[in-house]
Amino acid sequence: MRDIMAKKPKKQNHSNRIAENRKARFDYFIETTLEAGLALEGWEIKSLRAGKGQVSESYVLLKDNEAWLFGAHIHPLITASTHTLHDPMRSRKLLLHRREIDRLMGQVDQKGYTVVVLSLYWSKGKVKAEIGLAKGKKLHDKRATEKERDWNREKHRVLKGDR
């Protein structure tokens, strides 16, 4: 009797990721990561649900004790509201605690640190941004990263062939 009344499993989305900045981990050493909420408009939520978001060239600007997301592109849907003007490149406010913003501002004031967006994802029905405190890589660091990636790929090929 209990099997009949079992709850149906909810439909799972393949991934909670909306957009990812893959180039950030190649161009920067990521020191720490934080989760930040985003202040979005209704049409932006609809566009993100449709997968129309991009954060590849975005960064975070800390100004007047607030964090702002610049360079994120959210392409408006054609079916979204037509009576309002949609700006796909508008700056969006990041929602962080005061102590998190203060800590980031202190680190950014140090030489070479910046705050980059690593990804956008869904968390409990809300859009969250994973941001990282990053330090720029030099050319030789990028070459070492590429070399290590190639070595790991070759190692997996060899191990897969031995079985």
N, C-alpha and C. Protein backbone atom coordinates (compact mmCIF):
# COMPACT_ATOMS: atom_id res chain seq x y z
N MET A 1 0.83 -1.19 0.00
CA MET A 1 0.00 0.00 0.00
C MET A 1 0.87 1.26 0.00
N ARG A 2 1.98 1.17 0.67
CA ARG A 2 2.86 2.32 0.77
C ARG A 2 3.49 2.67 -0.58
N ASP A 3 3.77 1.67 -1.42
CA ASP A 3 4.37 1.92 -2.73
C ASP A 3 3.44 2.71 -3.63
N ILE A 4 2.15 2.47 -3.50
CA ILE A 4 1.18 3.16 -4.34
C ILE A 4 1.14 4.64 -4.00
N MET A 5 1.30 4.97 -2.74
CA MET A 5 1.18 6.34 -2.29
C MET A 5 2.52 7.09 -2.29
N ALA A 6 3.54 6.48 -2.85
CA ALA A 6 4.84 7.13 -2.86
C ALA A 6 4.78 8.40 -3.70
N LYS A 7 5.55 9.38 -3.28
CA LYS A 7 5.57 10.65 -4.00
C LYS A 7 6.32 10.48 -5.30
N LYS A 8 5.85 11.19 -6.31
CA LYS A 8 6.55 11.19 -7.59
C LYS A 8 7.79 12.05 -7.47
N PRO A 9 8.88 11.60 -8.07
CA PRO A 9 10.07 12.44 -8.02
C PRO A 9 9.88 13.71 -8.84
N LYS A 10 10.39 14.82 -8.30
CA LYS A 10 10.28 16.09 -9.03
C LYS A 10 11.17 16.04 -10.26
N LYS A 11 10.76 16.78 -11.26
CA LYS A 11 11.57 16.86 -12.48
C LYS A 11 12.85 17.62 -12.15
N GLN A 12 13.96 17.01 -12.44
CA GLN A 12 15.25 17.62 -12.17
C GLN A 12 15.76 18.31 -13.42
N ASN A 13 16.23 19.53 -13.24
CA ASN A 13 16.90 20.23 -14.33
C ASN A 13 18.28 19.61 -14.47
N HIS A 14 18.79 19.48 -15.68
CA HIS A 14 20.08 18.85 -15.89
C HIS A 14 21.17 19.54 -15.10
N SER A 15 21.10 20.84 -14.99
CA SER A 15 22.12 21.57 -14.27
C SER A 15 21.51 22.86 -13.75
N ASN A 16 21.98 23.29 -12.61
CA ASN A 16 21.51 24.57 -12.09
C ASN A 16 22.27 25.74 -12.68
N ARG A 17 23.29 25.47 -13.47
CA ARG A 17 24.11 26.52 -14.07
C ARG A 17 23.33 27.25 -15.16
N ILE A 18 23.41 28.55 -15.13
CA ILE A 18 22.82 29.37 -16.18
C ILE A 18 23.91 29.75 -17.17
N ALA A 19 24.99 30.30 -16.65
CA ALA A 19 26.12 30.74 -17.48
C ALA A 19 27.40 30.57 -16.67
N GLU A 20 28.49 30.32 -17.37
CA GLU A 20 29.76 30.10 -16.70
C GLU A 20 30.86 30.89 -17.42
N ASN A 21 31.77 31.43 -16.65
CA ASN A 21 32.91 32.17 -17.19
C ASN A 21 34.12 31.25 -17.11
N ARG A 22 34.31 30.42 -18.13
CA ARG A 22 35.40 29.45 -18.13
C ARG A 22 36.76 30.12 -18.27
N LYS A 23 36.79 31.25 -18.93
CA LYS A 23 38.06 31.94 -19.17
C LYS A 23 38.64 32.53 -17.87
N ALA A 24 37.79 32.79 -16.89
CA ALA A 24 38.25 33.40 -15.64
C ALA A 24 39.26 32.52 -14.92
N ARG A 25 39.02 31.22 -14.86
CA ARG A 25 39.94 30.32 -14.17
C ARG A 25 41.23 30.14 -14.94
N PHE A 26 41.22 30.42 -16.22
CA PHE A 26 42.44 30.36 -17.02
C PHE A 26 43.25 31.64 -16.88
N ASP A 27 42.58 32.78 -16.81
CA ASP A 27 43.27 34.07 -16.76
C ASP A 27 43.66 34.51 -15.36
N TYR A 28 43.02 33.95 -14.32
CA TYR A 28 43.25 34.41 -12.96
C TYR A 28 43.50 33.24 -12.01
N PHE A 29 44.25 33.52 -10.94
CA PHE A 29 44.30 32.63 -9.79
C PHE A 29 43.13 33.03 -8.90
N ILE A 30 42.23 32.11 -8.61
CA ILE A 30 41.07 32.41 -7.78
C ILE A 30 41.44 32.15 -6.32
N GLU A 31 41.48 33.21 -5.51
CA GLU A 31 41.85 33.08 -4.10
C GLU A 31 40.69 32.56 -3.28
N THR A 32 39.55 33.25 -3.31
CA THR A 32 38.36 32.84 -2.58
C THR A 32 37.13 33.03 -3.46
N THR A 33 36.07 32.30 -3.13
CA THR A 33 34.82 32.45 -3.87
C THR A 33 33.71 32.80 -2.89
N LEU A 34 32.73 33.53 -3.38
CA LEU A 34 31.57 33.93 -2.60
C LEU A 34 30.31 33.74 -3.43
N GLU A 35 29.19 33.58 -2.75
CA GLU A 35 27.89 33.51 -3.42
C GLU A 35 27.19 34.84 -3.18
N ALA A 36 26.70 35.44 -4.25
CA ALA A 36 26.00 36.72 -4.14
C ALA A 36 24.67 36.63 -4.88
N GLY A 37 23.67 37.26 -4.31
CA GLY A 37 22.38 37.37 -4.98
C GLY A 37 22.43 38.48 -6.01
N LEU A 38 21.44 38.49 -6.91
CA LEU A 38 21.37 39.52 -7.94
C LEU A 38 20.03 40.23 -7.88
N ALA A 39 20.03 41.54 -8.01
CA ALA A 39 18.80 42.31 -8.10
C ALA A 39 18.44 42.39 -9.59
N LEU A 40 17.43 41.61 -9.99
CA LEU A 40 17.06 41.52 -11.40
C LEU A 40 15.63 41.97 -11.61
N GLU A 41 15.31 42.31 -12.85
CA GLU A 41 13.95 42.64 -13.25
C GLU A 41 13.26 41.38 -13.77
N GLY A 42 11.96 41.45 -13.92
CA GLY A 42 11.18 40.29 -14.33
C GLY A 42 11.59 39.72 -15.69
N TRP A 43 11.83 40.60 -16.67
CA TRP A 43 12.19 40.12 -18.00
C TRP A 43 13.54 39.43 -17.98
N GLU A 44 14.43 39.83 -17.04
CA GLU A 44 15.74 39.20 -16.96
C GLU A 44 15.63 37.77 -16.42
N ILE A 45 14.73 37.57 -15.48
CA ILE A 45 14.50 36.22 -14.95
C ILE A 45 13.98 35.31 -16.05
N LYS A 46 13.02 35.82 -16.83
CA LYS A 46 12.47 35.02 -17.92
C LYS A 46 13.55 34.67 -18.95
N SER A 47 14.41 35.61 -19.25
CA SER A 47 15.48 35.36 -20.21
C SER A 47 16.48 34.34 -19.67
N LEU A 48 16.80 34.44 -18.39
CA LEU A 48 17.73 33.49 -17.80
C LEU A 48 17.14 32.09 -17.75
N ARG A 49 15.84 31.98 -17.52
CA ARG A 49 15.19 30.66 -17.55
C ARG A 49 15.28 30.05 -18.95
N ALA A 50 15.30 30.92 -19.96
CA ALA A 50 15.41 30.45 -21.34
C ALA A 50 16.87 30.25 -21.75
N GLY A 51 17.81 30.52 -20.85
CA GLY A 51 19.23 30.30 -21.14
C GLY A 51 19.88 31.39 -21.95
N LYS A 52 19.42 32.63 -21.81
CA LYS A 52 19.93 33.74 -22.62
C LYS A 52 20.93 34.62 -21.88
N GLY A 53 21.66 34.06 -20.89
CA GLY A 53 22.61 34.85 -20.12
C GLY A 53 24.04 34.54 -20.49
N GLN A 54 24.92 35.54 -20.34
CA GLN A 54 26.33 35.37 -20.67
C GLN A 54 27.15 36.24 -19.71
N VAL A 55 28.20 35.65 -19.09
CA VAL A 55 29.03 36.39 -18.14
C VAL A 55 30.51 36.30 -18.49
N SER A 56 30.83 36.02 -19.74
CA SER A 56 32.23 35.79 -20.11
C SER A 56 33.11 37.02 -19.97
N GLU A 57 32.59 38.21 -20.16
CA GLU A 57 33.38 39.44 -20.07
C GLU A 57 32.98 40.29 -18.88
N SER A 58 32.34 39.70 -17.89
CA SER A 58 31.82 40.50 -16.79
C SER A 58 32.80 40.59 -15.63
N TYR A 59 32.63 41.61 -14.82
CA TYR A 59 33.45 41.83 -13.65
C TYR A 59 32.62 42.55 -12.60
N VAL A 60 33.15 42.64 -11.39
CA VAL A 60 32.45 43.27 -10.28
C VAL A 60 33.17 44.57 -9.92
N LEU A 61 32.41 45.64 -9.78
CA LEU A 61 32.95 46.93 -9.37
C LEU A 61 32.42 47.24 -7.97
N LEU A 62 33.32 47.55 -7.06
CA LEU A 62 32.95 47.90 -5.69
C LEU A 62 33.00 49.42 -5.56
N LYS A 63 31.82 50.03 -5.35
CA LYS A 63 31.73 51.49 -5.33
C LYS A 63 30.70 51.91 -4.28
N ASP A 64 31.04 52.88 -3.45
CA ASP A 64 30.14 53.40 -2.41
C ASP A 64 29.59 52.30 -1.51
N ASN A 65 30.45 51.39 -1.10
CA ASN A 65 30.07 50.25 -0.24
C ASN A 65 28.97 49.39 -0.84
N GLU A 66 28.95 49.30 -2.16
CA GLU A 66 28.02 48.42 -2.88
C GLU A 66 28.80 47.67 -3.94
N ALA A 67 28.30 46.51 -4.30
CA ALA A 67 28.92 45.71 -5.36
C ALA A 67 28.01 45.71 -6.57
N TRP A 68 28.58 45.98 -7.74
CA TRP A 68 27.82 46.06 -8.99
C TRP A 68 28.41 45.11 -10.02
N LEU A 69 27.54 44.44 -10.74
CA LEU A 69 27.95 43.53 -11.80
C LEU A 69 27.92 44.28 -13.13
N PHE A 70 29.08 44.34 -13.78
CA PHE A 70 29.21 45.02 -15.07
C PHE A 70 29.57 44.00 -16.15
N GLY A 71 29.08 44.22 -17.34
CA GLY A 71 29.47 43.42 -18.49
C GLY A 71 28.71 42.12 -18.67
N ALA A 72 27.78 41.80 -17.78
CA ALA A 72 26.96 40.60 -17.97
C ALA A 72 25.90 40.91 -19.02
N HIS A 73 25.73 40.00 -19.95
CA HIS A 73 24.78 40.21 -21.05
C HIS A 73 23.59 39.28 -20.87
N ILE A 74 22.41 39.85 -20.67
CA ILE A 74 21.18 39.07 -20.60
C ILE A 74 20.31 39.52 -21.76
N HIS A 75 20.21 38.68 -22.76
CA HIS A 75 19.49 39.02 -23.99
C HIS A 75 17.98 38.95 -23.73
N PRO A 76 17.23 40.02 -24.01
CA PRO A 76 15.78 40.00 -23.75
C PRO A 76 15.04 39.09 -24.72
N LEU A 77 14.00 38.46 -24.21
CA LEU A 77 13.15 37.62 -25.05
C LEU A 77 12.23 38.51 -25.90
N ILE A 78 11.87 38.03 -27.06
CA ILE A 78 10.96 38.78 -27.92
C ILE A 78 9.56 38.81 -27.31
N THR A 79 9.21 37.73 -26.60
CA THR A 79 7.87 37.63 -26.02
C THR A 79 7.73 38.37 -24.70
N ALA A 80 8.84 38.91 -24.17
CA ALA A 80 8.77 39.65 -22.91
C ALA A 80 8.04 40.98 -23.13
N SER A 81 7.81 41.68 -22.08
CA SER A 81 7.05 42.92 -22.11
C SER A 81 7.60 43.88 -23.16
N THR A 82 6.71 44.45 -23.96
CA THR A 82 7.12 45.34 -25.04
C THR A 82 6.99 46.81 -24.66
N HIS A 83 6.35 47.12 -23.54
CA HIS A 83 6.15 48.52 -23.19
C HIS A 83 7.28 49.09 -22.33
N THR A 84 8.29 48.30 -22.05
CA THR A 84 9.44 48.81 -21.30
C THR A 84 10.70 48.65 -22.15
N LEU A 85 11.66 49.49 -21.88
CA LEU A 85 12.92 49.44 -22.60
C LEU A 85 13.86 48.46 -21.90
N HIS A 86 14.40 47.50 -22.64
CA HIS A 86 15.27 46.48 -22.07
C HIS A 86 16.71 46.80 -22.45
N ASP A 87 17.58 46.92 -21.45
CA ASP A 87 19.00 47.14 -21.68
C ASP A 87 19.74 45.86 -21.28
N PRO A 88 20.22 45.06 -22.25
CA PRO A 88 20.86 43.80 -21.92
C PRO A 88 22.19 43.95 -21.19
N MET A 89 22.83 45.09 -21.26
CA MET A 89 24.14 45.29 -20.64
C MET A 89 24.09 46.19 -19.40
N ARG A 90 22.92 46.39 -18.82
CA ARG A 90 22.81 47.29 -17.67
C ARG A 90 23.59 46.75 -16.48
N SER A 91 24.00 47.64 -15.59
CA SER A 91 24.71 47.21 -14.39
C SER A 91 23.66 46.70 -13.39
N ARG A 92 24.00 45.60 -12.73
CA ARG A 92 23.08 44.96 -11.80
C ARG A 92 23.71 44.92 -10.42
N LYS A 93 22.91 45.17 -9.41
CA LYS A 93 23.43 45.21 -8.05
C LYS A 93 23.59 43.79 -7.52
N LEU A 94 24.74 43.54 -6.89
CA LEU A 94 24.99 42.27 -6.22
C LEU A 94 24.61 42.41 -4.75
N LEU A 95 23.96 41.39 -4.23
CA LEU A 95 23.48 41.42 -2.86
C LEU A 95 24.44 40.65 -1.97
N LEU A 96 25.22 41.36 -1.19
CA LEU A 96 26.21 40.78 -0.28
C LEU A 96 26.05 41.41 1.09
N HIS A 97 26.55 40.72 2.12
CA HIS A 97 26.58 41.29 3.46
C HIS A 97 27.64 42.38 3.52
N ARG A 98 27.45 43.32 4.43
CA ARG A 98 28.37 44.45 4.58
C ARG A 98 29.79 43.98 4.85
N ARG A 99 29.96 42.98 5.73
CA ARG A 99 31.32 42.53 6.05
C ARG A 99 31.98 41.85 4.86
N GLU A 100 31.20 41.21 3.99
CA GLU A 100 31.76 40.61 2.79
C GLU A 100 32.24 41.69 1.82
N ILE A 101 31.46 42.74 1.67
CA ILE A 101 31.85 43.84 0.80
C ILE A 101 33.09 44.53 1.35
N ASP A 102 33.12 44.76 2.67
CA ASP A 102 34.29 45.42 3.29
C ASP A 102 35.55 44.58 3.09
N ARG A 103 35.42 43.25 3.25
CA ARG A 103 36.58 42.38 3.08
C ARG A 103 37.06 42.40 1.63
N LEU A 104 36.12 42.36 0.69
CA LEU A 104 36.49 42.42 -0.73
C LEU A 104 37.16 43.76 -1.07
N MET A 105 36.61 44.85 -0.54
CA MET A 105 37.19 46.16 -0.83
C MET A 105 38.62 46.25 -0.29
N GLY A 106 38.86 45.67 0.89
CA GLY A 106 40.20 45.67 1.45
C GLY A 106 41.17 44.87 0.59
N GLN A 107 40.73 43.74 0.05
CA GLN A 107 41.57 42.91 -0.80
C GLN A 107 41.82 43.55 -2.16
N VAL A 108 40.80 44.21 -2.72
CA VAL A 108 40.93 44.83 -4.03
C VAL A 108 41.91 46.00 -3.97
N ASP A 109 41.96 46.68 -2.80
CA ASP A 109 42.90 47.79 -2.64
C ASP A 109 44.34 47.31 -2.69
N GLN A 110 44.57 46.02 -2.38
CA GLN A 110 45.92 45.49 -2.49
C GLN A 110 46.29 45.38 -3.96
N LYS A 111 47.56 45.29 -4.24
CA LYS A 111 48.04 45.29 -5.62
C LYS A 111 47.64 44.00 -6.36
N GLY A 112 47.02 44.15 -7.52
CA GLY A 112 46.79 43.03 -8.41
C GLY A 112 45.51 42.24 -8.20
N TYR A 113 44.70 42.55 -7.20
CA TYR A 113 43.47 41.80 -6.98
C TYR A 113 42.31 42.42 -7.74
N THR A 114 41.40 41.56 -8.17
CA THR A 114 40.17 41.99 -8.82
C THR A 114 39.07 41.01 -8.45
N VAL A 115 37.84 41.38 -8.68
CA VAL A 115 36.71 40.50 -8.39
C VAL A 115 36.05 40.17 -9.72
N VAL A 116 35.97 38.87 -10.03
CA VAL A 116 35.38 38.42 -11.29
C VAL A 116 34.19 37.51 -11.01
N VAL A 117 33.29 37.44 -11.97
CA VAL A 117 32.14 36.55 -11.88
C VAL A 117 32.54 35.22 -12.49
N LEU A 118 32.35 34.13 -11.74
CA LEU A 118 32.70 32.81 -12.23
C LEU A 118 31.52 32.11 -12.87
N SER A 119 30.32 32.29 -12.31
CA SER A 119 29.15 31.65 -12.90
C SER A 119 27.86 32.25 -12.35
N LEU A 120 26.78 32.01 -13.07
CA LEU A 120 25.42 32.29 -12.60
C LEU A 120 24.71 30.97 -12.48
N TYR A 121 23.90 30.80 -11.43
CA TYR A 121 23.19 29.54 -11.25
C TYR A 121 21.92 29.77 -10.45
N TRP A 122 21.05 28.78 -10.46
CA TRP A 122 19.80 28.81 -9.70
C TRP A 122 20.03 28.19 -8.33
N SER A 123 19.48 28.82 -7.30
CA SER A 123 19.52 28.28 -5.95
C SER A 123 18.19 28.58 -5.29
N LYS A 124 17.38 27.55 -5.07
CA LYS A 124 16.05 27.69 -4.45
C LYS A 124 15.18 28.69 -5.20
N GLY A 125 15.22 28.65 -6.52
CA GLY A 125 14.39 29.52 -7.34
C GLY A 125 14.92 30.93 -7.53
N LYS A 126 16.07 31.21 -6.98
CA LYS A 126 16.65 32.54 -7.12
C LYS A 126 17.97 32.45 -7.89
N VAL A 127 18.31 33.54 -8.58
CA VAL A 127 19.56 33.58 -9.34
C VAL A 127 20.69 34.01 -8.42
N LYS A 128 21.74 33.24 -8.40
CA LYS A 128 22.92 33.55 -7.59
C LYS A 128 24.13 33.67 -8.52
N ALA A 129 25.09 34.48 -8.10
CA ALA A 129 26.33 34.65 -8.84
C ALA A 129 27.47 34.14 -7.97
N GLU A 130 28.32 33.32 -8.54
CA GLU A 130 29.52 32.90 -7.84
C GLU A 130 30.62 33.87 -8.26
N ILE A 131 31.11 34.64 -7.30
CA ILE A 131 32.15 35.61 -7.59
C ILE A 131 33.44 35.16 -6.91
N GLY A 132 34.55 35.55 -7.50
CA GLY A 132 35.83 35.14 -6.96
C GLY A 132 36.79 36.30 -6.84
N LEU A 133 37.54 36.31 -5.75
CA LEU A 133 38.63 37.26 -5.57
C LEU A 133 39.82 36.69 -6.32
N ALA A 134 40.32 37.41 -7.30
CA ALA A 134 41.28 36.83 -8.23
C ALA A 134 42.51 37.72 -8.38
N LYS A 135 43.61 37.06 -8.72
CA LYS A 135 44.86 37.75 -9.03
C LYS A 135 45.25 37.31 -10.43
N GLY A 136 45.65 38.25 -11.28
CA GLY A 136 45.96 37.95 -12.67
C GLY A 136 47.15 37.02 -12.83
N LYS A 137 47.06 36.14 -13.83
CA LYS A 137 48.16 35.23 -14.15
C LYS A 137 49.08 35.87 -15.17
N LYS A 138 50.33 35.54 -15.08
CA LYS A 138 51.31 35.95 -16.08
C LYS A 138 51.27 34.92 -17.21
N LEU A 139 51.95 35.21 -18.31
CA LEU A 139 51.94 34.34 -19.47
C LEU A 139 52.51 32.96 -19.15
N HIS A 140 53.60 32.92 -18.36
CA HIS A 140 54.19 31.62 -18.04
C HIS A 140 53.28 30.79 -17.15
N ASP A 141 52.45 31.44 -16.32
CA ASP A 141 51.48 30.72 -15.49
C ASP A 141 50.40 30.08 -16.36
N LYS A 142 49.98 30.81 -17.40
CA LYS A 142 48.97 30.28 -18.31
C LYS A 142 49.52 29.08 -19.07
N ARG A 143 50.80 29.18 -19.47
CA ARG A 143 51.42 28.05 -20.16
C ARG A 143 51.50 26.83 -19.26
N ALA A 144 51.83 27.04 -17.99
CA ALA A 144 51.90 25.93 -17.04
C ALA A 144 50.53 25.29 -16.84
N THR A 145 49.49 26.10 -16.79
CA THR A 145 48.13 25.59 -16.65
C THR A 145 47.76 24.74 -17.87
N GLU A 146 48.10 25.23 -19.05
CA GLU A 146 47.82 24.49 -20.28
C GLU A 146 48.58 23.17 -20.32
N LYS A 147 49.85 23.23 -19.91
CA LYS A 147 50.68 22.04 -19.89
C LYS A 147 50.13 20.99 -18.93
N GLU A 148 49.71 21.43 -17.75
CA GLU A 148 49.14 20.51 -16.76
C GLU A 148 47.83 19.90 -17.26
N ARG A 149 47.01 20.69 -17.92
CA ARG A 149 45.76 20.19 -18.47
C ARG A 149 46.02 19.13 -19.54
N ASP A 150 46.99 19.39 -20.42
CA ASP A 150 47.35 18.41 -21.45
C ASP A 150 47.90 17.13 -20.83
N TRP A 151 48.72 17.27 -19.78
CA TRP A 151 49.28 16.09 -19.12
C TRP A 151 48.18 15.25 -18.47
N ASN A 152 47.23 15.89 -17.80
CA ASN A 152 46.13 15.15 -17.19
C ASN A 152 45.28 14.44 -18.24
N ARG A 153 45.05 15.09 -19.37
CA ARG A 153 44.28 14.48 -20.45
C ARG A 153 45.00 13.25 -20.99
N GLU A 154 46.32 13.36 -21.19
CA GLU A 154 47.12 12.24 -21.70
C GLU A 154 47.17 11.11 -20.67
N LYS A 155 47.29 11.45 -19.41
CA LYS A 155 47.33 10.46 -18.34
C LYS A 155 46.03 9.66 -18.31
N HIS A 156 44.89 10.34 -18.46
CA HIS A 156 43.60 9.64 -18.47
C HIS A 156 43.48 8.73 -19.68
N ARG A 157 44.01 9.16 -20.82
CA ARG A 157 43.98 8.31 -22.03
C ARG A 157 44.77 7.04 -21.80
N VAL A 158 45.95 7.16 -21.21
CA VAL A 158 46.82 6.00 -20.97
C VAL A 158 46.16 5.06 -19.96
N LEU A 159 45.62 5.61 -18.88
CA LEU A 159 44.98 4.77 -17.88
C LEU A 159 43.72 4.09 -18.43
N LYS A 160 43.00 4.77 -19.26
CA LYS A 160 41.79 4.20 -19.85
C LYS A 160 42.14 3.07 -20.82
N GLY A 161 43.26 3.20 -21.52
CA GLY A 161 43.70 2.17 -22.48
C GLY A 161 44.25 0.93 -21.82
N ASP A 162 44.79 1.04 -20.57
CA ASP A 162 45.37 -0.11 -19.88
C ASP A 162 44.33 -1.06 -19.34
N ARG A 163 43.16 -0.61 -19.12
CA ARG A 163 42.12 -1.47 -18.54
C ARG A 163 41.68 -2.42 -19.57
